[in-house]
N, C-alpha and C. Protein backbone atom coordinates (compact mmCIF):
# COMPACT_ATOMS: atom_id res chain seq x y z
N UNK A 1 -6.63 -9.17 -20.55
CA UNK A 1 -5.23 -8.87 -19.68
C UNK A 1 -4.76 -9.83 -18.11
N UNK A 2 -4.06 -10.88 -18.25
CA UNK A 2 -3.63 -11.55 -17.09
C UNK A 2 -3.81 -10.57 -15.70
N UNK A 3 -4.16 -10.75 -14.63
CA UNK A 3 -3.86 -10.19 -13.45
C UNK A 3 -2.30 -10.63 -12.84
N UNK A 4 -1.90 -9.30 -12.24
CA UNK A 4 -0.64 -9.96 -11.80
C UNK A 4 -0.76 -10.18 -10.16
N UNK A 5 0.15 -10.68 -10.03
CA UNK A 5 -0.02 -11.42 -8.69
C UNK A 5 0.12 -10.50 -7.10
N UNK A 6 0.20 -9.22 -7.19
CA UNK A 6 0.18 -7.95 -6.59
C UNK A 6 -0.51 -8.15 -5.19
N UNK A 7 -1.96 -8.68 -5.39
CA UNK A 7 -2.66 -8.55 -4.24
C UNK A 7 -2.42 -9.98 -3.75
N UNK A 8 -2.38 -10.70 -4.46
CA UNK A 8 -2.49 -12.26 -3.90
C UNK A 8 -1.19 -12.32 -2.75
N UNK A 9 -0.26 -11.49 -3.31
CA UNK A 9 1.07 -11.60 -2.76
C UNK A 9 1.10 -10.52 -1.35
N UNK A 10 0.26 -9.65 -1.44
CA UNK A 10 0.31 -8.73 -0.19
C UNK A 10 -0.78 -9.88 1.05
N UNK A 11 -1.55 -10.49 0.67
CA UNK A 11 -2.75 -11.22 1.19
C UNK A 11 -2.19 -12.11 1.54
N UNK A 12 -1.39 -12.83 0.83
CA UNK A 12 -0.72 -14.06 1.41
C UNK A 12 0.64 -13.75 2.05
N UNK A 13 1.66 -12.97 1.69
CA UNK A 13 2.22 -12.87 3.16
C UNK A 13 1.62 -12.44 4.37
N UNK A 14 0.65 -11.62 4.43
CA UNK A 14 -0.21 -11.24 5.66
C UNK A 14 -0.48 -12.59 6.36
N UNK A 15 -1.48 -13.34 5.72
CA UNK A 15 -2.09 -14.47 6.05
C UNK A 15 -0.78 -15.40 6.84
N UNK A 16 0.05 -16.04 5.77
CA UNK A 16 1.04 -16.81 5.88
C UNK A 16 1.76 -16.78 7.34
N UNK A 17 2.07 -14.78 7.36
CA UNK A 17 3.03 -14.60 8.37
C UNK A 17 2.43 -14.82 9.84
N UNK A 18 0.80 -14.70 9.60
CA UNK A 18 -0.26 -14.90 10.90
C UNK A 18 -0.83 -16.53 11.11
N UNK A 19 0.12 -17.38 10.13
CA UNK A 19 -0.47 -18.61 10.27
C UNK A 19 -0.31 -19.36 11.75
N UNK A 20 -0.96 -20.73 11.85
CA UNK A 20 -0.88 -21.30 12.98
C UNK A 20 0.12 -21.99 13.35
N UNK A 21 0.99 -22.01 11.84
CA UNK A 21 2.60 -22.62 12.06
C UNK A 21 3.27 -21.26 12.68
N UNK A 22 3.16 -20.26 12.83
CA UNK A 22 4.27 -19.27 13.20
C UNK A 22 4.01 -18.77 14.49
N UNK A 23 2.28 -18.36 14.48
CA UNK A 23 1.99 -18.09 15.33
C UNK A 23 1.12 -18.29 16.41
N UNK A 24 0.61 -17.89 17.82
CA UNK A 24 0.16 -18.60 19.01
C UNK A 24 -1.38 -18.80 18.16
N UNK A 25 -1.84 -19.81 18.70
CA UNK A 25 -3.12 -20.42 18.12
C UNK A 25 -4.19 -18.96 18.79
N UNK A 26 -5.11 -18.78 18.20
CA UNK A 26 -5.95 -17.82 18.20
C UNK A 26 -7.68 -18.42 18.51
N UNK A 27 -8.07 -17.61 19.90
CA UNK A 27 -9.30 -18.33 19.89
C UNK A 27 -10.54 -17.85 19.21
N UNK A 28 -10.24 -16.93 18.42
CA UNK A 28 -11.72 -16.42 17.66
C UNK A 28 -11.90 -17.28 16.58
N UNK A 29 -12.95 -17.65 16.25
CA UNK A 29 -13.27 -18.94 15.56
C UNK A 29 -13.12 -18.51 13.98
N UNK A 30 -13.55 -17.22 13.71
CA UNK A 30 -13.16 -16.86 12.29
C UNK A 30 -12.11 -16.29 12.07
N UNK A 31 -11.19 -16.05 12.85
CA UNK A 31 -9.66 -15.63 12.86
C UNK A 31 -9.02 -17.34 12.69
N UNK A 32 -9.41 -17.77 13.49
CA UNK A 32 -8.62 -19.46 13.13
C UNK A 32 -8.83 -19.81 11.88
N UNK A 33 -10.32 -19.84 11.19
CA UNK A 33 -10.48 -20.22 10.01
C UNK A 33 -9.56 -19.96 8.98
N UNK A 34 -10.10 -18.22 9.03
CA UNK A 34 -9.19 -17.55 8.32
C UNK A 34 -7.60 -17.86 7.97
N UNK A 35 -7.02 -18.40 8.92
CA UNK A 35 -5.40 -18.29 9.31
C UNK A 35 -5.26 -20.08 8.80
N UNK A 36 -6.24 -20.88 9.24
CA UNK A 36 -6.25 -22.35 8.77
C UNK A 36 -6.12 -22.24 7.08
N UNK A 37 -6.77 -21.47 6.68
CA UNK A 37 -7.06 -21.74 5.10
C UNK A 37 -5.45 -20.65 4.42
N UNK A 38 -4.89 -20.32 5.51
CA UNK A 38 -3.28 -19.66 4.50
C UNK A 38 -2.48 -20.50 4.74
N UNK A 39 -2.50 -21.97 3.89
CA UNK A 39 -1.68 -22.60 3.70
C UNK A 39 -0.28 -22.24 3.03
N UNK A 40 1.01 -22.57 3.60
CA UNK A 40 2.12 -22.33 3.07
C UNK A 40 2.13 -22.35 1.34
N UNK A 41 2.45 -21.50 0.63
CA UNK A 41 2.75 -21.26 -1.05
C UNK A 41 4.04 -21.67 -1.16
N UNK A 42 4.49 -22.76 -1.85
CA UNK A 42 5.79 -22.93 -2.30
C UNK A 42 6.02 -21.80 -3.13
N UNK A 43 5.25 -21.27 -3.81
CA UNK A 43 5.61 -20.14 -4.90
C UNK A 43 5.94 -18.99 -4.39
N UNK A 44 5.27 -18.74 -3.08
CA UNK A 44 6.00 -17.53 -2.59
C UNK A 44 6.81 -17.05 -2.59
N UNK A 45 7.93 -17.33 -2.20
CA UNK A 45 9.19 -16.90 -2.61
C UNK A 45 9.33 -16.44 -3.87
N UNK A 46 9.14 -17.14 -5.00
CA UNK A 46 9.44 -16.78 -6.36
C UNK A 46 8.76 -15.36 -6.55
N UNK A 47 7.21 -15.30 -6.25
CA UNK A 47 6.51 -14.51 -6.62
C UNK A 47 6.85 -13.23 -5.99
N UNK A 48 7.36 -13.10 -4.35
CA UNK A 48 7.86 -12.20 -3.87
C UNK A 48 9.54 -11.67 -4.50
N UNK A 49 10.10 -12.70 -4.67
CA UNK A 49 11.54 -12.08 -5.44
C UNK A 49 11.13 -11.30 -6.85
N UNK A 50 10.04 -11.60 -7.67
CA UNK A 50 10.14 -10.99 -8.71
C UNK A 50 9.19 -10.05 -8.61
N UNK A 51 8.54 -9.66 -7.73
CA UNK A 51 7.56 -8.47 -7.76
C UNK A 51 8.58 -7.40 -6.88
N UNK A 52 9.27 -7.85 -5.94
CA UNK A 52 10.16 -6.79 -4.90
C UNK A 52 10.57 -5.60 -5.54
N UNK A 53 11.41 -5.80 -6.76
CA UNK A 53 12.15 -4.82 -7.32
C UNK A 53 11.10 -3.58 -7.80
N UNK A 54 9.90 -4.00 -8.48
CA UNK A 54 8.98 -3.18 -8.88
C UNK A 54 8.32 -2.61 -7.62
N UNK A 55 7.89 -3.16 -6.61
CA UNK A 55 7.04 -2.83 -5.52
C UNK A 55 8.32 -1.89 -4.40
N UNK A 56 9.55 -2.09 -4.61
CA UNK A 56 10.27 -1.14 -3.68
C UNK A 56 10.65 0.06 -4.69
N UNK A 57 10.50 0.24 -5.79
CA UNK A 57 10.79 1.49 -6.35
C UNK A 57 9.21 2.44 -6.28
N UNK A 58 8.22 1.57 -6.33
CA UNK A 58 7.22 2.28 -6.10
C UNK A 58 7.23 2.84 -4.37
N UNK A 59 7.64 2.13 -3.52
CA UNK A 59 7.86 2.79 -2.14
C UNK A 59 8.61 3.62 -2.41
N UNK A 60 10.03 3.52 -3.09
CA UNK A 60 10.72 4.60 -2.57
C UNK A 60 10.44 5.71 -3.51
N UNK A 61 10.11 5.78 -4.33
CA UNK A 61 9.11 7.09 -5.15
C UNK A 61 7.97 7.83 -4.75
N UNK A 62 7.32 6.75 -3.61
CA UNK A 62 6.09 7.45 -3.30
C UNK A 62 6.65 8.05 -2.07
N UNK A 63 7.90 7.63 -1.42
CA UNK A 63 8.28 7.98 -0.08
C UNK A 63 9.19 9.35 -0.23
N UNK A 64 9.92 9.68 -1.53
CA UNK A 64 10.60 10.70 -1.81
C UNK A 64 9.50 12.02 -2.34
N UNK A 65 8.71 11.78 -3.08
CA UNK A 65 8.02 12.61 -3.42
C UNK A 65 6.39 12.81 -2.74
N UNK A 66 6.45 13.12 -1.28
CA UNK A 66 5.15 12.80 -0.70
C UNK A 66 4.18 14.37 -0.77
N UNK A 67 3.15 14.36 -0.67
CA UNK A 67 2.35 15.53 -0.89
C UNK A 67 1.56 15.35 0.74
N UNK A 68 1.15 16.87 0.53
CA UNK A 68 0.42 17.22 2.21
C UNK A 68 -1.30 16.63 2.05
N UNK A 69 -2.09 16.23 3.20
CA UNK A 69 -3.22 15.66 3.19
C UNK A 69 -4.01 16.84 2.38
N UNK A 70 -5.20 16.13 1.73
CA UNK A 70 -6.05 16.80 0.64
C UNK A 70 -5.00 17.44 -0.57
N UNK A 71 -3.73 16.96 -0.82
CA UNK A 71 -3.37 17.46 -1.88
C UNK A 71 -2.22 16.43 -2.28
N UNK A 72 -2.69 15.37 -2.30
CA UNK A 72 -1.94 13.86 -2.94
C UNK A 72 -2.55 13.71 -4.13
N UNK A 73 -2.51 14.89 -5.09
CA UNK A 73 -2.59 14.62 -6.61
C UNK A 73 -1.89 13.56 -7.24
N UNK A 74 -0.71 13.48 -7.05
CA UNK A 74 0.40 12.68 -8.12
C UNK A 74 0.53 11.50 -7.42
N UNK A 75 0.24 11.40 -6.20
CA UNK A 75 0.65 10.05 -5.25
C UNK A 75 -0.86 9.34 -5.67
N UNK A 76 -2.36 9.67 -5.91
CA UNK A 76 -3.19 9.30 -6.12
C UNK A 76 -3.57 8.76 -7.71
N UNK A 77 -2.74 9.62 -8.29
CA UNK A 77 -2.69 9.10 -9.55
C UNK A 77 -1.73 8.12 -9.73
N UNK A 78 -0.56 8.12 -9.22
CA UNK A 78 0.05 6.91 -10.05
C UNK A 78 -0.38 5.67 -8.86
N UNK A 79 -0.83 5.46 -8.04
CA UNK A 79 -1.58 4.43 -7.08
C UNK A 79 -2.74 4.25 -8.13
N UNK A 80 -3.51 4.92 -8.43
CA UNK A 80 -4.90 4.75 -9.38
C UNK A 80 -3.88 3.92 -10.68
N UNK A 81 -3.09 4.15 -11.50
CA UNK A 81 -2.28 3.52 -12.08
C UNK A 81 -1.80 2.09 -12.60
N UNK A 82 -0.94 2.42 -10.89
CA UNK A 82 -0.80 1.06 -10.74
C UNK A 82 -1.43 -0.26 -10.32
N UNK A 83 -2.60 0.20 -9.74
CA UNK A 83 -4.20 -0.57 -9.57
C UNK A 83 -4.73 -1.02 -10.91
N UNK A 84 -5.02 -0.20 -11.98
CA UNK A 84 -5.40 -0.52 -12.88
C UNK A 84 -4.38 -1.70 -13.53
N UNK A 85 -3.45 -1.56 -13.50
CA UNK A 85 -2.27 -2.43 -14.13
C UNK A 85 -2.27 -3.89 -13.79
N UNK A 86 -2.71 -3.61 -12.16
CA UNK A 86 -2.67 -4.53 -11.74
C UNK A 86 -4.46 -5.55 -11.87
N UNK A 87 -5.33 -5.16 -12.92
CA UNK A 87 -6.74 -5.40 -12.87
C UNK A 87 -7.73 -4.77 -12.08
N UNK A 88 -7.72 -3.90 -11.31
CA UNK A 88 -8.83 -3.17 -10.73
C UNK A 88 -9.49 -2.53 -11.60
N UNK A 89 -10.61 -2.37 -11.46
CA UNK A 89 -11.52 -1.29 -11.53
C UNK A 89 -11.42 -0.15 -10.82
N UNK A 90 -10.97 1.20 -11.11
CA UNK A 90 -10.46 2.35 -10.93
C UNK A 90 -11.33 3.53 -10.47
N UNK A 91 -12.07 4.05 -9.45
CA UNK A 91 -12.85 5.43 -9.58
C UNK A 91 -11.71 6.48 -8.82
N UNK A 92 -11.66 7.47 -9.52
CA UNK A 92 -10.52 8.41 -8.93
C UNK A 92 -11.52 9.69 -8.34
N UNK A 93 -10.96 10.54 -7.36
CA UNK A 93 -11.11 11.92 -7.39
C UNK A 93 -12.35 11.55 -6.29
N UNK A 94 -12.38 10.70 -5.46
CA UNK A 94 -13.38 10.37 -4.41
C UNK A 94 -13.10 11.12 -3.45
N UNK A 95 -14.06 12.11 -2.82
CA UNK A 95 -13.75 12.99 -1.73
C UNK A 95 -12.95 14.01 -2.16
N UNK A 96 -12.25 14.59 -3.08
CA UNK A 96 -10.74 14.94 -3.21
C UNK A 96 -9.82 14.18 -4.09
N UNK A 97 -9.14 13.41 -3.27
CA UNK A 97 -7.81 13.22 -3.86
C UNK A 97 -8.08 11.20 -3.81
N UNK A 98 -9.22 10.97 -3.08
CA UNK A 98 -9.43 9.76 -2.78
C UNK A 98 -9.38 8.67 -3.99
N UNK A 99 -8.84 7.42 -3.74
CA UNK A 99 -9.07 6.52 -5.27
C UNK A 99 -9.71 5.09 -4.56
N UNK A 100 -10.80 4.68 -5.18
CA UNK A 100 -10.98 3.68 -4.96
C UNK A 100 -11.23 2.72 -6.00
N UNK A 101 -10.71 1.14 -5.70
CA UNK A 101 -10.03 0.18 -6.25
C UNK A 101 -10.90 -1.00 -6.15
N UNK A 102 -11.63 -1.45 -7.36
CA UNK A 102 -12.06 -2.60 -7.14
C UNK A 102 -11.85 -4.26 -7.53
N UNK A 103 -11.26 -5.45 -7.21
CA UNK A 103 -11.29 -6.20 -7.78
C UNK A 103 -12.22 -7.14 -7.50
N UNK A 104 -13.07 -7.61 -8.63
CA UNK A 104 -13.70 -8.67 -8.56
C UNK A 104 -13.33 -10.38 -9.46
N UNK A 105 -13.41 -11.26 -8.26
CA UNK A 105 -12.53 -12.61 -8.60
C UNK A 105 -13.92 -13.38 -8.41
N UNK A 106 -15.20 -13.24 -8.62
CA UNK A 106 -16.43 -14.05 -8.31
C UNK A 106 -16.94 -14.13 -7.11
N UNK A 107 -18.16 -14.87 -6.67
CA UNK A 107 -19.05 -14.70 -5.94
C UNK A 107 -18.37 -14.76 -4.28
N UNK A 108 -18.98 -14.51 -3.40
CA UNK A 108 -18.46 -14.68 -1.84
C UNK A 108 -18.13 -13.47 -1.38
N UNK A 109 -17.59 -13.28 -0.42
CA UNK A 109 -17.56 -12.35 0.70
C UNK A 109 -16.35 -11.17 0.09
N UNK A 110 -16.68 -9.87 0.48
CA UNK A 110 -15.81 -8.65 -0.25
C UNK A 110 -15.09 -8.37 0.96
N UNK A 111 -13.47 -8.22 0.62
CA UNK A 111 -12.70 -7.77 1.51
C UNK A 111 -12.25 -6.41 1.22
N UNK A 112 -12.49 -5.34 2.41
CA UNK A 112 -12.03 -3.91 2.35
C UNK A 112 -10.87 -3.37 2.80
N UNK A 113 -9.96 -3.22 2.05
CA UNK A 113 -8.51 -2.57 2.46
C UNK A 113 -8.24 -1.07 2.40
N UNK A 114 -7.81 -0.44 3.28
CA UNK A 114 -7.80 1.04 3.38
C UNK A 114 -6.33 1.52 4.01
N UNK A 115 -6.39 2.49 2.69
CA UNK A 115 -4.92 3.01 3.15
C UNK A 115 -4.67 4.57 3.08
N UNK A 116 -3.44 5.32 3.55
CA UNK A 116 -3.66 6.61 3.77
C UNK A 116 -2.34 7.05 3.37
N UNK A 117 -2.29 7.88 2.47
CA UNK A 117 -0.69 8.26 1.92
C UNK A 117 -0.10 9.80 1.72
N UNK A 118 -0.78 10.34 2.60
CA UNK A 118 -0.97 11.67 3.00
C UNK A 118 0.55 11.78 3.77
N UNK A 119 0.81 13.22 3.62
CA UNK A 119 2.34 13.33 4.54
C UNK A 119 2.00 14.39 5.43
N UNK A 120 3.25 14.86 6.24
CA UNK A 120 3.22 15.75 7.37
C UNK A 120 4.13 16.91 7.29
N UNK A 121 3.86 18.46 7.24
CA UNK A 121 4.73 19.34 7.00
C UNK A 121 6.13 19.25 7.83
N UNK A 122 6.82 18.12 7.65
CA UNK A 122 8.04 18.30 8.80
C UNK A 122 9.47 17.69 7.46
N UNK A 123 10.34 18.28 7.68
CA UNK A 123 11.44 18.16 7.02
C UNK A 123 12.02 16.77 7.69
N UNK A 124 12.24 15.97 6.71
CA UNK A 124 13.01 14.65 6.61
C UNK A 124 14.23 14.74 7.00
N UNK A 125 14.82 14.18 7.96
CA UNK A 125 16.52 14.10 8.62
C UNK A 125 16.65 12.71 8.66
N UNK A 126 16.59 12.14 7.74
CA UNK A 126 17.45 10.57 7.30
C UNK A 126 18.44 10.72 6.80
N UNK A 127 19.04 9.62 6.33
CA UNK A 127 20.15 9.46 5.40
C UNK A 127 19.56 8.42 4.57
N UNK A 128 18.43 7.96 4.38
CA UNK A 128 17.91 6.92 3.48
C UNK A 128 18.23 7.88 2.04
N UNK A 129 18.56 7.12 0.66
CA UNK A 129 18.74 7.40 -0.17
C UNK A 129 17.38 8.08 -0.94
N UNK A 130 16.30 8.00 -0.48
CA UNK A 130 15.13 8.01 -1.40
C UNK A 130 14.27 9.19 -0.47
N UNK A 131 15.25 9.83 0.55
CA UNK A 131 14.56 10.93 1.38
C UNK A 131 13.89 11.85 0.76
N UNK A 132 12.55 12.32 1.61
CA UNK A 132 12.44 13.77 0.81
C UNK A 132 12.99 14.71 1.02
N UNK A 133 13.00 15.41 -0.21
CA UNK A 133 13.54 16.68 -0.12
C UNK A 133 12.63 17.83 -0.69
N UNK A 134 11.16 17.51 -0.59
CA UNK A 134 10.14 18.23 -1.07
C UNK A 134 9.85 19.50 0.24
N UNK A 135 9.43 20.61 -0.66
CA UNK A 135 8.89 21.69 0.38
C UNK A 135 7.58 22.05 0.04
N UNK A 136 6.78 22.71 0.56
CA UNK A 136 5.70 23.33 -0.24
C UNK A 136 5.19 24.64 0.91
N UNK A 137 4.52 25.23 0.52
CA UNK A 137 3.81 26.44 1.25
C UNK A 137 2.73 25.80 2.20
N UNK A 138 2.50 26.11 3.63
CA UNK A 138 1.30 25.62 3.86
C UNK A 138 0.39 27.19 4.23
N UNK A 139 -0.84 26.79 5.17
CA UNK A 139 -2.01 27.66 4.64
C UNK A 139 -1.42 28.64 5.17
N UNK A 140 -0.58 29.31 5.91
CA UNK A 140 0.04 30.81 6.35
C UNK A 140 1.07 31.21 5.33
N UNK A 141 1.48 30.17 4.27
CA UNK A 141 2.34 30.74 3.36
C UNK A 141 3.59 30.49 3.46
N UNK A 142 4.22 29.73 4.75
CA UNK A 142 5.62 29.75 5.11
C UNK A 142 6.47 28.22 4.27
N UNK A 143 6.90 28.21 4.15
CA UNK A 143 7.79 27.16 2.93
C UNK A 143 8.13 26.16 4.35
N UNK A 144 7.57 24.85 4.11
CA UNK A 144 7.79 23.43 4.89
C UNK A 144 8.12 22.80 4.43
N UNK A 145 8.97 21.59 4.99
CA UNK A 145 9.38 20.28 4.52
C UNK A 145 8.17 19.60 4.25
N UNK A 146 8.18 18.58 3.63
CA UNK A 146 7.06 17.39 3.55
C UNK A 146 7.80 16.18 3.58
N UNK A 147 7.20 15.13 4.58
CA UNK A 147 7.92 13.86 4.45
C UNK A 147 6.40 12.66 5.14
N UNK A 148 6.64 11.86 4.63
CA UNK A 148 5.82 10.78 5.48
C UNK A 148 6.56 10.26 6.67
N UNK A 149 6.34 11.48 7.90
CA UNK A 149 6.90 10.89 9.26
C UNK A 149 5.97 10.27 10.26
N UNK A 150 4.74 9.77 9.63
CA UNK A 150 3.84 8.59 10.51
C UNK A 150 4.02 7.50 9.68
N UNK A 151 4.78 7.27 8.87
CA UNK A 151 4.73 5.80 8.19
C UNK A 151 3.58 5.73 7.48
N UNK A 152 2.68 6.32 6.53
CA UNK A 152 1.51 5.88 5.79
C UNK A 152 2.09 5.30 4.61
N UNK A 153 3.03 5.61 4.07
CA UNK A 153 3.53 5.42 2.90
C UNK A 153 3.99 3.79 2.70
N UNK A 154 4.01 2.98 4.20
CA UNK A 154 4.62 1.83 3.89
C UNK A 154 3.18 0.84 4.03
N UNK A 155 1.93 1.34 3.58
CA UNK A 155 0.87 1.29 3.67
C UNK A 155 0.66 0.36 2.11
N UNK A 156 1.65 0.86 1.48
CA UNK A 156 2.09 0.25 -0.19
C UNK A 156 2.10 -1.28 0.01
């Protein structure tokens, strides 16, 4: 199964955005070396254009269907499925609803990326077409709204 370019796309966008061509020089030698290796990719726009619709759909789906901390069952399952499709080895239910994904691409250093996708007990009051309409019961039994109020869903 060929690997999809999503992980490459995300890392390339981050590194290219921070490259010496658009950012001030960085004094730290490791950072400068990493940024120097982030040469502009002429295919980046075509990769981004082809991946954007699917990534936008994933983002809006997770934003519209938030789950409170330690209750991220559907979110974790969806993320695990997406990571498997992208070629990662996935372990689910780490510490409850956690997901660990490993992408091996040869010898060398290991890069760890971490994300949080839990939501808060807050009613969303935006006009976004994908705004959360989710409600749930809190620990006291009260019905509360649920939304990604602190932006964790942007970690996608």
